[in-house]
């Protein structure tokens, strides 16, 4: 068995552990991130990174819920939307909408450094 096969088995094991019903959301992020580090094929890395991004958003949602309930907070004091927004680097209105509107929290594409691509015509004046 070569190193690639061993890595593939390790990746499969990490994914199985990440997908287990009793795996905490933050633990899922760590397991999937470890799988990314083992992947050799860039397409497999991409697939795993997208899973990490999804898992991280869901883990952030879970952490926000715990903070709202005061779990793990000093004196069990529930966090405010402003505190959660500051921790997530999001406006309190944004974090409120994302928390109540879905299963994940995330930054906007602009905050992640993503810019709109400009389509340029192909050589010869026609778009592809």
C-alpha atoms as a PDB file:
ATOM      1  CA  UNK A   1       0.000   0.000   0.000  1.00  0.00           C
ATOM      2  CA  UNK A   2       1.487   3.358  -0.971  1.00  0.00           C
ATOM      3  CA  UNK A   3       1.217   6.707   0.800  1.00  0.00           C
ATOM      4  CA  UNK A   4      -1.635   7.924  -1.410  1.00  0.00           C
ATOM      5  CA  UNK A   5      -3.756   4.885  -0.529  1.00  0.00           C
ATOM      6  CA  UNK A   6      -2.971   5.328   3.162  1.00  0.00           C
ATOM      7  CA  UNK A   7      -3.921   9.008   2.956  1.00  0.00           C
ATOM      8  CA  UNK A   8      -7.177   8.104   1.172  1.00  0.00           C
ATOM      9  CA  UNK A   9      -8.051   5.682   3.981  1.00  0.00           C
ATOM     10  CA  UNK A  10      -7.210   8.294   6.611  1.00  0.00           C
ATOM     11  CA  UNK A  11      -9.330  10.889   4.789  1.00  0.00           C
ATOM     12  CA  UNK A  12     -12.254   8.456   4.586  1.00  0.00           C
ATOM     13  CA  UNK A  13     -11.905   7.706   8.306  1.00  0.00           C
ATOM     14  CA  UNK A  14     -11.814  11.408   9.194  1.00  0.00           C
ATOM     15  CA  UNK A  15     -14.922  12.066   7.107  1.00  0.00           C
ATOM     16  CA  UNK A  16     -16.760   9.156   8.761  1.00  0.00           C
ATOM     17  CA  UNK A  17     -15.824  10.503  12.191  1.00  0.00           C
ATOM     18  CA  UNK A  18     -16.873  14.027  11.179  1.00  0.00           C
ATOM     19  CA  UNK A  19     -20.238  12.771   9.917  1.00  0.00           C
ATOM     20  CA  UNK A  20     -20.970  10.710  13.036  1.00  0.00           C
ATOM     21  CA  UNK A  21     -24.198  11.720  14.756  1.00  0.00           C
ATOM     22  CA  UNK A  22     -22.502  12.476  18.076  1.00  0.00           C
ATOM     23  CA  UNK A  23     -19.685  14.640  16.642  1.00  0.00           C
ATOM     24  CA  UNK A  24     -19.803  18.208  17.960  1.00  0.00           C
ATOM     25  CA  UNK A  25     -19.931  20.911  15.309  1.00  0.00           C
ATOM     26  CA  UNK A  26     -16.520  22.389  16.204  1.00  0.00           C
ATOM     27  CA  UNK A  27     -14.986  18.899  16.237  1.00  0.00           C
ATOM     28  CA  UNK A  28     -16.419  18.306  12.754  1.00  0.00           C
ATOM     29  CA  UNK A  29     -14.557  21.379  11.493  1.00  0.00           C
ATOM     30  CA  UNK A  30     -11.273  20.087  12.938  1.00  0.00           C
ATOM     31  CA  UNK A  31     -11.700  16.604  11.503  1.00  0.00           C
ATOM     32  CA  UNK A  32     -12.511  17.906   8.035  1.00  0.00           C
ATOM     33  CA  UNK A  33      -9.615  20.380   8.167  1.00  0.00           C
ATOM     34  CA  UNK A  34      -7.283  17.494   9.009  1.00  0.00           C
ATOM     35  CA  UNK A  35      -8.636  15.644   5.956  1.00  0.00           C
ATOM     36  CA  UNK A  36      -7.838  18.664   3.749  1.00  0.00           C
ATOM     37  CA  UNK A  37      -4.240  18.504   4.949  1.00  0.00           C
ATOM     38  CA  UNK A  38      -3.965  14.881   3.827  1.00  0.00           C
ATOM     39  CA  UNK A  39      -5.557  15.312   0.398  1.00  0.00           C
ATOM     40  CA  UNK A  40      -3.238  15.418  -2.600  1.00  0.00           C
ATOM     41  CA  UNK A  41      -5.700  15.959  -5.456  1.00  0.00           C
ATOM     42  CA  UNK A  42      -6.640  19.664  -5.678  1.00  0.00           C
ATOM     43  CA  UNK A  43     -10.236  18.769  -6.540  1.00  0.00           C
ATOM     44  CA  UNK A  44     -10.481  16.598  -3.422  1.00  0.00           C
ATOM     45  CA  UNK A  45      -8.957  19.459  -1.422  1.00  0.00           C
ATOM     46  CA  UNK A  46     -11.565  21.815  -2.881  1.00  0.00           C
ATOM     47  CA  UNK A  47     -14.387  19.426  -2.000  1.00  0.00           C
ATOM     48  CA  UNK A  48     -13.105  19.071   1.554  1.00  0.00           C
ATOM     49  CA  UNK A  49     -12.543  22.822   1.959  1.00  0.00           C
ATOM     50  CA  UNK A  50     -16.148  23.469   0.961  1.00  0.00           C
ATOM     51  CA  UNK A  51     -17.237  20.958   3.600  1.00  0.00           C
ATOM     52  CA  UNK A  52     -15.017  22.761   6.134  1.00  0.00           C
ATOM     53  CA  UNK A  53     -16.589  26.115   5.211  1.00  0.00           C
ATOM     54  CA  UNK A  54     -20.099  24.707   5.635  1.00  0.00           C
ATOM     55  CA  UNK A  55     -19.184  22.994   8.902  1.00  0.00           C
ATOM     56  CA  UNK A  56     -17.548  26.185  10.215  1.00  0.00           C
ATOM     57  CA  UNK A  57     -20.672  28.232   9.479  1.00  0.00           C
ATOM     58  CA  UNK A  58     -22.809  25.666  11.275  1.00  0.00           C
ATOM     59  CA  UNK A  59     -20.372  25.563  14.197  1.00  0.00           C
ATOM     60  CA  UNK A  60     -20.523  29.370  14.390  1.00  0.00           C
ATOM     61  CA  UNK A  61     -24.325  29.154  14.467  1.00  0.00           C
ATOM     62  CA  UNK A  62     -24.093  26.590  17.259  1.00  0.00           C
ATOM     63  CA  UNK A  63     -21.627  28.751  19.226  1.00  0.00           C
ATOM     64  CA  UNK A  64     -23.918  31.772  18.854  1.00  0.00           C
ATOM     65  CA  UNK A  65     -26.797  29.722  20.241  1.00  0.00           C
ATOM     66  CA  UNK A  66     -24.724  28.637  23.243  1.00  0.00           C
ATOM     67  CA  UNK A  67     -23.646  32.251  23.812  1.00  0.00           C
ATOM     68  CA  UNK A  68     -27.290  33.399  23.704  1.00  0.00           C
ATOM     69  CA  UNK A  69     -28.115  30.803  26.368  1.00  0.00           C
ATOM     70  CA  UNK A  70     -25.102  31.813  28.463  1.00  0.00           C
ATOM     71  CA  UNK A  71     -23.458  28.385  28.182  1.00  0.00           C
ATOM     72  CA  UNK A  72     -19.771  28.693  29.083  1.00  0.00           C
ATOM     73  CA  UNK A  73     -20.089  32.445  29.620  1.00  0.00           C
ATOM     74  CA  UNK A  74     -18.929  34.263  32.763  1.00  0.00           C
ATOM     75  CA  UNK A  75     -21.586  33.791  35.438  1.00  0.00           C
ATOM     76  CA  UNK A  76     -23.776  32.115  32.804  1.00  0.00           C
ATOM     77  CA  UNK A  77     -24.776  35.534  31.491  1.00  0.00           C
ATOM     78  CA  UNK A  78     -26.375  35.334  28.025  1.00  0.00           C
ATOM     79  CA  UNK A  79     -24.548  37.234  25.284  1.00  0.00           C
ATOM     80  CA  UNK A  80     -26.181  40.131  23.468  1.00  0.00           C
ATOM     81  CA  UNK A  81     -26.514  40.327  19.701  1.00  0.00           C
ATOM     82  CA  UNK A  82     -23.955  43.143  19.759  1.00  0.00           C
ATOM     83  CA  UNK A  83     -21.435  40.898  21.581  1.00  0.00           C
ATOM     84  CA  UNK A  84     -22.037  38.014  19.182  1.00  0.00           C
ATOM     85  CA  UNK A  85     -21.748  40.351  16.200  1.00  0.00           C
ATOM     86  CA  UNK A  86     -18.467  41.774  17.514  1.00  0.00           C
ATOM     87  CA  UNK A  87     -17.037  38.281  18.049  1.00  0.00           C
ATOM     88  CA  UNK A  88     -18.096  37.217  14.545  1.00  0.00           C
ATOM     89  CA  UNK A  89     -17.010  40.510  12.940  1.00  0.00           C
ATOM     90  CA  UNK A  90     -20.566  40.981  11.706  1.00  0.00           C
ATOM     91  CA  UNK A  91     -23.131  43.691  12.384  1.00  0.00           C
ATOM     92  CA  UNK A  92     -25.555  42.686  15.135  1.00  0.00           C
ATOM     93  CA  UNK A  93     -28.436  42.938  12.636  1.00  0.00           C
ATOM     94  CA  UNK A  94     -26.626  40.639  10.214  1.00  0.00           C
ATOM     95  CA  UNK A  95     -25.853  38.014  12.838  1.00  0.00           C
ATOM     96  CA  UNK A  96     -29.460  38.165  14.101  1.00  0.00           C
ATOM     97  CA  UNK A  97     -30.842  37.623  10.570  1.00  0.00           C
ATOM     98  CA  UNK A  98     -28.378  34.850   9.786  1.00  0.00           C
ATOM     99  CA  UNK A  99     -28.976  33.105  13.110  1.00  0.00           C
ATOM    100  CA  UNK A 100     -32.751  33.124  12.757  1.00  0.00           C
ATOM    101  CA  UNK A 101     -32.781  32.646   8.987  1.00  0.00           C
ATOM    102  CA  UNK A 102     -30.621  29.562   8.587  1.00  0.00           C
ATOM    103  CA  UNK A 103     -28.294  26.970  10.021  1.00  0.00           C
ATOM    104  CA  UNK A 104     -24.994  28.818   9.492  1.00  0.00           C
ATOM    105  CA  UNK A 105     -23.270  32.156   9.995  1.00  0.00           C
ATOM    106  CA  UNK A 106     -20.931  33.568   7.381  1.00  0.00           C
ATOM    107  CA  UNK A 107     -19.211  36.694   6.191  1.00  0.00           C
ATOM    108  CA  UNK A 108     -20.331  38.393   3.018  1.00  0.00           C
ATOM    109  CA  UNK A 109     -18.244  37.742  -0.097  1.00  0.00           C
ATOM    110  CA  UNK A 110     -16.807  41.274   0.156  1.00  0.00           C
ATOM    111  CA  UNK A 111     -15.694  40.680   3.759  1.00  0.00           C
ATOM    112  CA  UNK A 112     -13.979  37.479   2.609  1.00  0.00           C
ATOM    113  CA  UNK A 113     -12.069  39.443  -0.026  1.00  0.00           C
ATOM    114  CA  UNK A 114     -14.115  38.141  -2.955  1.00  0.00           C
ATOM    115  CA  UNK A 115     -14.605  40.657  -5.708  1.00  0.00           C
ATOM    116  CA  UNK A 116     -16.938  40.429  -8.664  1.00  0.00           C
ATOM    117  CA  UNK A 117     -15.210  39.108 -11.742  1.00  0.00           C
ATOM    118  CA  UNK A 118     -15.349  41.278 -14.811  1.00  0.00           C
ATOM    119  CA  UNK A 119     -16.216  39.376 -17.971  1.00  0.00           C
ATOM    120  CA  UNK A 120     -14.087  40.397 -20.883  1.00  0.00           C
ATOM    121  CA  UNK A 121     -14.835  39.451 -24.480  1.00  0.00           C
ATOM    122  CA  UNK A 122     -12.657  36.717 -25.916  1.00  0.00           C
ATOM    123  CA  UNK A 123     -10.208  37.520 -28.678  1.00  0.00           C
ATOM    124  CA  UNK A 124     -12.185  38.264 -31.806  1.00  0.00           C
ATOM    125  CA  UNK A 125     -14.860  40.209 -29.941  1.00  0.00           C
ATOM    126  CA  UNK A 126     -17.157  37.322 -28.997  1.00  0.00           C
ATOM    127  CA  UNK A 127     -17.748  36.151 -25.453  1.00  0.00           C
ATOM    128  CA  UNK A 128     -17.144  32.507 -24.716  1.00  0.00           C
END
